Amino acid sequence: MKTARKWMVSVIVFTGVLLILSACGTQQAESNQTESKQTGSSSAPASDMSSSTMMNKGETAPEFSLLDLKGNTVGLSDVQGKKVYVKYWASWCSICLAGLEDLNNLAGQNNDFQVITIVTPDYKGEKSSQAFTEWFDQQPYDNITVLLDEKGVWAKEFGVRAYPSSFYIGSDGILAKSQPGHASNEQIMESLQEIL
């Protein structure tokens, strides 16, 4: 009995030490990310927003600049001063496809925010840019802006881990909220109302 008790105490102490070390590791990783952003070693462009103009809590959103399906360059700087809803999705994702009609309706409304969707050609199972464009041109979604993030360069900056993924960017350029999984139009609007 005493051996079992000693064993349990050892397991509890070992688990506690692991938790403390993992928390320190996470804090160190976050500290390193902050340092790399401050020193400009990240591959994402640095923001020109000063901390005095930030109104929302969070990090500066990655300032992407991508081609849309018509070959036009669209960047976050094009909607500076507006709130932005960014949805990463994939053509093979049934949950993503099921939400496109609602998202198309939302994008067609006169709102105080911009709706942008991004797909990642040749990354995580997505079609090539040409194959995706040919496929999407056959779809009935005229209001949705679709940008092509070749090989997921910006998906990595956003930290996309699953499709669909939603990102809410404030009018100050701050990534105020991120959420994996499907978001209904009501959830999207509520989240955007919570940020400035």
Protein backbone atom coordinates (compact mmCIF):
# COMPACT_ATOMS: atom_id res chain seq x y z
CA MET A 1 0.00 0.00 0.00
CA LYS A 2 2.83 2.40 0.88
CA THR A 3 4.53 1.60 -2.44
CA ALA A 4 1.33 2.46 -4.34
CA ARG A 5 1.00 5.73 -2.42
CA LYS A 6 4.62 6.69 -3.15
CA TRP A 7 4.08 5.83 -6.79
CA MET A 8 0.93 8.03 -6.97
CA VAL A 9 2.74 10.95 -5.30
CA SER A 10 5.60 10.57 -7.78
CA VAL A 11 3.17 10.58 -10.73
CA ILE A 12 1.39 13.69 -9.42
CA VAL A 13 4.68 15.53 -8.85
CA PHE A 14 5.97 14.50 -12.28
CA THR A 15 2.74 15.68 -13.93
CA GLY A 16 2.94 19.00 -12.09
CA VAL A 17 6.52 19.54 -13.26
CA LEU A 18 5.52 18.73 -16.85
CA LEU A 19 2.65 21.23 -16.71
CA ILE A 20 4.92 23.95 -15.40
CA LEU A 21 7.55 23.24 -18.04
CA SER A 22 5.01 23.16 -20.86
CA ALA A 23 3.56 26.48 -19.72
CA CYS A 24 7.03 27.98 -19.72
CA GLY A 25 7.66 26.57 -23.19
CA THR A 26 4.47 28.14 -24.49
CA GLN A 27 5.35 31.46 -22.90
CA GLN A 28 8.84 31.27 -24.41
CA ALA A 29 7.43 30.47 -27.86
CA GLU A 30 5.04 33.41 -27.62
CA SER A 31 7.90 35.62 -26.47
CA ASN A 32 10.02 34.48 -29.43
CA GLN A 33 7.16 35.19 -31.85
CA THR A 34 6.77 38.68 -30.41
CA GLU A 35 10.51 39.31 -30.68
CA SER A 36 10.62 38.12 -34.30
CA LYS A 37 7.73 40.41 -35.19
CA GLN A 38 9.44 43.35 -33.49
CA THR A 39 12.74 42.68 -35.24
CA GLY A 40 11.08 42.16 -38.60
CA SER A 41 12.31 38.58 -39.07
CA SER A 42 8.82 37.35 -39.97
CA SER A 43 8.06 36.83 -43.65
CA ALA A 44 4.85 38.85 -43.34
CA PRO A 45 5.04 42.56 -44.07
CA ALA A 46 5.24 44.75 -40.99
CA SER A 47 2.24 46.89 -40.16
CA ASP A 48 2.47 50.65 -40.34
CA MET A 49 -0.19 51.00 -37.64
CA SER A 50 1.18 52.53 -34.46
CA SER A 51 0.13 51.16 -31.09
CA SER A 52 -1.60 54.46 -30.30
CA THR A 53 -4.15 53.82 -33.09
CA MET A 54 -4.98 50.30 -31.96
CA MET A 55 -8.46 50.00 -30.50
CA ASN A 56 -8.90 46.22 -30.35
CA LYS A 57 -7.00 43.66 -28.30
CA GLY A 58 -4.86 41.27 -30.30
CA GLU A 59 -1.99 41.14 -32.77
CA THR A 60 -1.69 43.04 -36.02
CA ALA A 61 -3.34 40.99 -38.77
CA PRO A 62 -1.08 39.60 -41.49
CA GLU A 63 -1.13 42.19 -44.28
CA PHE A 64 -1.77 39.87 -47.18
CA SER A 65 -1.80 40.89 -50.81
CA LEU A 66 -3.22 38.18 -53.08
CA LEU A 67 -4.70 37.70 -56.52
CA ASP A 68 -8.44 37.23 -56.92
CA LEU A 69 -9.95 34.88 -59.50
CA LYS A 70 -9.84 37.62 -62.17
CA GLY A 71 -6.13 38.34 -61.64
CA ASN A 72 -6.60 41.56 -59.65
CA THR A 73 -4.43 42.15 -56.59
CA VAL A 74 -6.42 42.55 -53.39
CA GLY A 75 -4.76 43.31 -50.08
CA LEU A 76 -5.74 44.06 -46.53
CA SER A 77 -4.49 47.61 -47.11
CA ASP A 78 -7.25 48.03 -49.74
CA VAL A 79 -9.86 47.93 -46.98
CA GLN A 80 -7.92 49.91 -44.40
CA GLY A 81 -10.23 51.56 -41.90
CA LYS A 82 -12.98 48.93 -42.36
CA LYS A 83 -13.69 45.80 -40.38
CA VAL A 84 -12.94 42.64 -42.35
CA TYR A 85 -14.24 39.10 -42.12
CA VAL A 86 -11.76 36.64 -43.64
CA LYS A 87 -12.80 33.04 -44.24
CA TYR A 88 -10.30 30.38 -45.24
CA TRP A 89 -12.02 27.46 -46.94
CA ALA A 90 -11.43 24.62 -49.41
CA SER A 91 -13.37 23.25 -52.38
CA TRP A 92 -13.16 19.70 -50.97
CA CYS A 93 -14.61 20.73 -47.57
CA SER A 94 -18.31 19.81 -47.37
CA ILE A 95 -18.89 22.12 -44.38
CA CYS A 96 -17.31 24.99 -46.33
CA LEU A 97 -19.45 24.32 -49.39
CA ALA A 98 -22.62 24.11 -47.31
CA GLY A 99 -21.99 27.63 -45.97
CA LEU A 100 -21.17 29.36 -49.27
CA GLU A 101 -24.75 30.35 -50.15
CA ASP A 102 -25.23 32.10 -46.81
CA LEU A 103 -21.82 33.74 -47.11
CA ASN A 104 -22.69 34.88 -50.64
CA ASN A 105 -25.86 36.51 -49.25
CA LEU A 106 -23.87 38.20 -46.45
CA ALA A 107 -21.25 39.50 -48.90
CA GLY A 108 -24.03 40.96 -51.08
CA GLN A 109 -25.51 43.01 -48.23
CA ASN A 110 -24.59 46.60 -47.45
CA ASN A 111 -22.63 46.11 -44.21
CA ASP A 112 -20.01 48.12 -42.36
CA PHE A 113 -17.49 45.34 -42.99
CA GLN A 114 -15.82 43.61 -45.93
CA VAL A 115 -16.17 39.85 -46.57
CA ILE A 116 -13.10 38.18 -48.08
CA THR A 117 -12.64 34.47 -48.65
CA ILE A 118 -9.31 32.80 -49.29
CA VAL A 119 -8.45 29.38 -50.70
CA THR A 120 -5.01 27.79 -50.80
CA PRO A 121 -4.22 26.30 -54.24
CA ASP A 122 -1.74 23.42 -54.16
CA TYR A 123 -1.83 23.32 -50.34
CA LYS A 124 -3.64 20.90 -48.03
CA GLY A 125 -5.39 19.11 -50.85
CA GLU A 126 -6.76 22.14 -52.71
CA LYS A 127 -6.87 22.19 -56.51
CA SER A 128 -4.42 24.23 -58.56
CA SER A 129 -5.32 27.90 -59.14
CA GLN A 130 -6.48 27.19 -62.69
CA ALA A 131 -8.58 24.15 -61.73
CA PHE A 132 -10.11 26.00 -58.76
CA THR A 133 -10.96 29.06 -60.87
CA GLU A 134 -12.58 26.90 -63.55
CA TRP A 135 -14.59 25.07 -60.86
CA PHE A 136 -15.64 28.24 -59.01
CA ASP A 137 -16.70 29.99 -62.22
CA GLN A 138 -19.41 27.31 -62.50
CA GLN A 139 -20.76 28.13 -59.01
CA PRO A 140 -23.63 30.60 -58.41
CA TYR A 141 -21.76 32.81 -55.91
CA ASP A 142 -21.39 36.26 -57.51
CA ASN A 143 -20.91 38.31 -54.32
CA ILE A 144 -18.02 36.40 -52.78
CA THR A 145 -14.49 37.73 -53.22
CA VAL A 146 -12.16 34.72 -53.48
CA LEU A 147 -8.42 35.25 -53.16
CA LEU A 148 -5.76 32.69 -54.06
CA ASP A 149 -3.16 32.03 -51.38
CA GLU A 150 -0.70 29.95 -53.40
CA LYS A 151 0.74 27.09 -51.36
CA GLY A 152 -0.78 28.51 -48.16
CA VAL A 153 1.86 31.18 -47.54
CA TRP A 154 -0.58 33.48 -45.73
CA ALA A 155 -2.56 30.59 -44.23
CA LYS A 156 0.59 29.78 -42.28
CA GLU A 157 0.84 33.42 -41.13
CA PHE A 158 -2.80 33.35 -39.98
CA GLY A 159 -2.24 29.99 -38.29
CA VAL A 160 -4.95 28.15 -40.24
CA ARG A 161 -5.21 24.61 -38.89
CA ALA A 162 -8.58 23.53 -40.30
CA TYR A 163 -11.16 24.46 -42.91
CA PRO A 164 -13.22 26.50 -42.61
CA SER A 165 -11.52 29.06 -40.36
CA SER A 166 -12.77 32.57 -39.63
CA PHE A 167 -10.71 35.66 -38.84
CA TYR A 168 -12.15 38.95 -37.61
CA ILE A 169 -10.03 42.02 -38.26
CA GLY A 170 -10.89 45.38 -36.70
CA SER A 171 -10.88 48.68 -38.51
CA ASP A 172 -7.52 49.30 -36.83
CA GLY A 173 -5.94 46.28 -38.57
CA ILE A 174 -5.89 44.15 -35.42
CA LEU A 175 -6.75 40.46 -35.67
CA ALA A 176 -9.31 40.58 -32.87
CA LYS A 177 -10.67 37.04 -33.12
CA SER A 178 -10.04 33.76 -34.89
CA GLN A 179 -12.33 30.76 -34.90
CA PRO A 180 -12.01 27.35 -36.54
CA GLY A 181 -15.12 25.69 -37.92
CA HIS A 182 -18.30 26.96 -39.52
CA ALA A 183 -19.66 30.36 -38.51
CA SER A 184 -23.24 31.31 -39.40
CA ASN A 185 -24.02 34.78 -40.73
CA GLU A 186 -25.51 35.64 -37.33
CA GLN A 187 -22.31 34.58 -35.55
CA ILE A 188 -20.19 36.52 -38.03
CA MET A 189 -22.24 39.69 -37.56
CA GLU A 190 -22.26 39.34 -33.76
CA SER A 191 -18.48 38.88 -33.69
CA LEU A 192 -17.94 41.91 -35.93
CA GLN A 193 -20.25 44.03 -33.77
CA GLU A 194 -18.07 43.20 -30.75
CA ILE A 195 -14.97 44.69 -32.33
CA LEU A 196 -14.21 48.24 -33.43
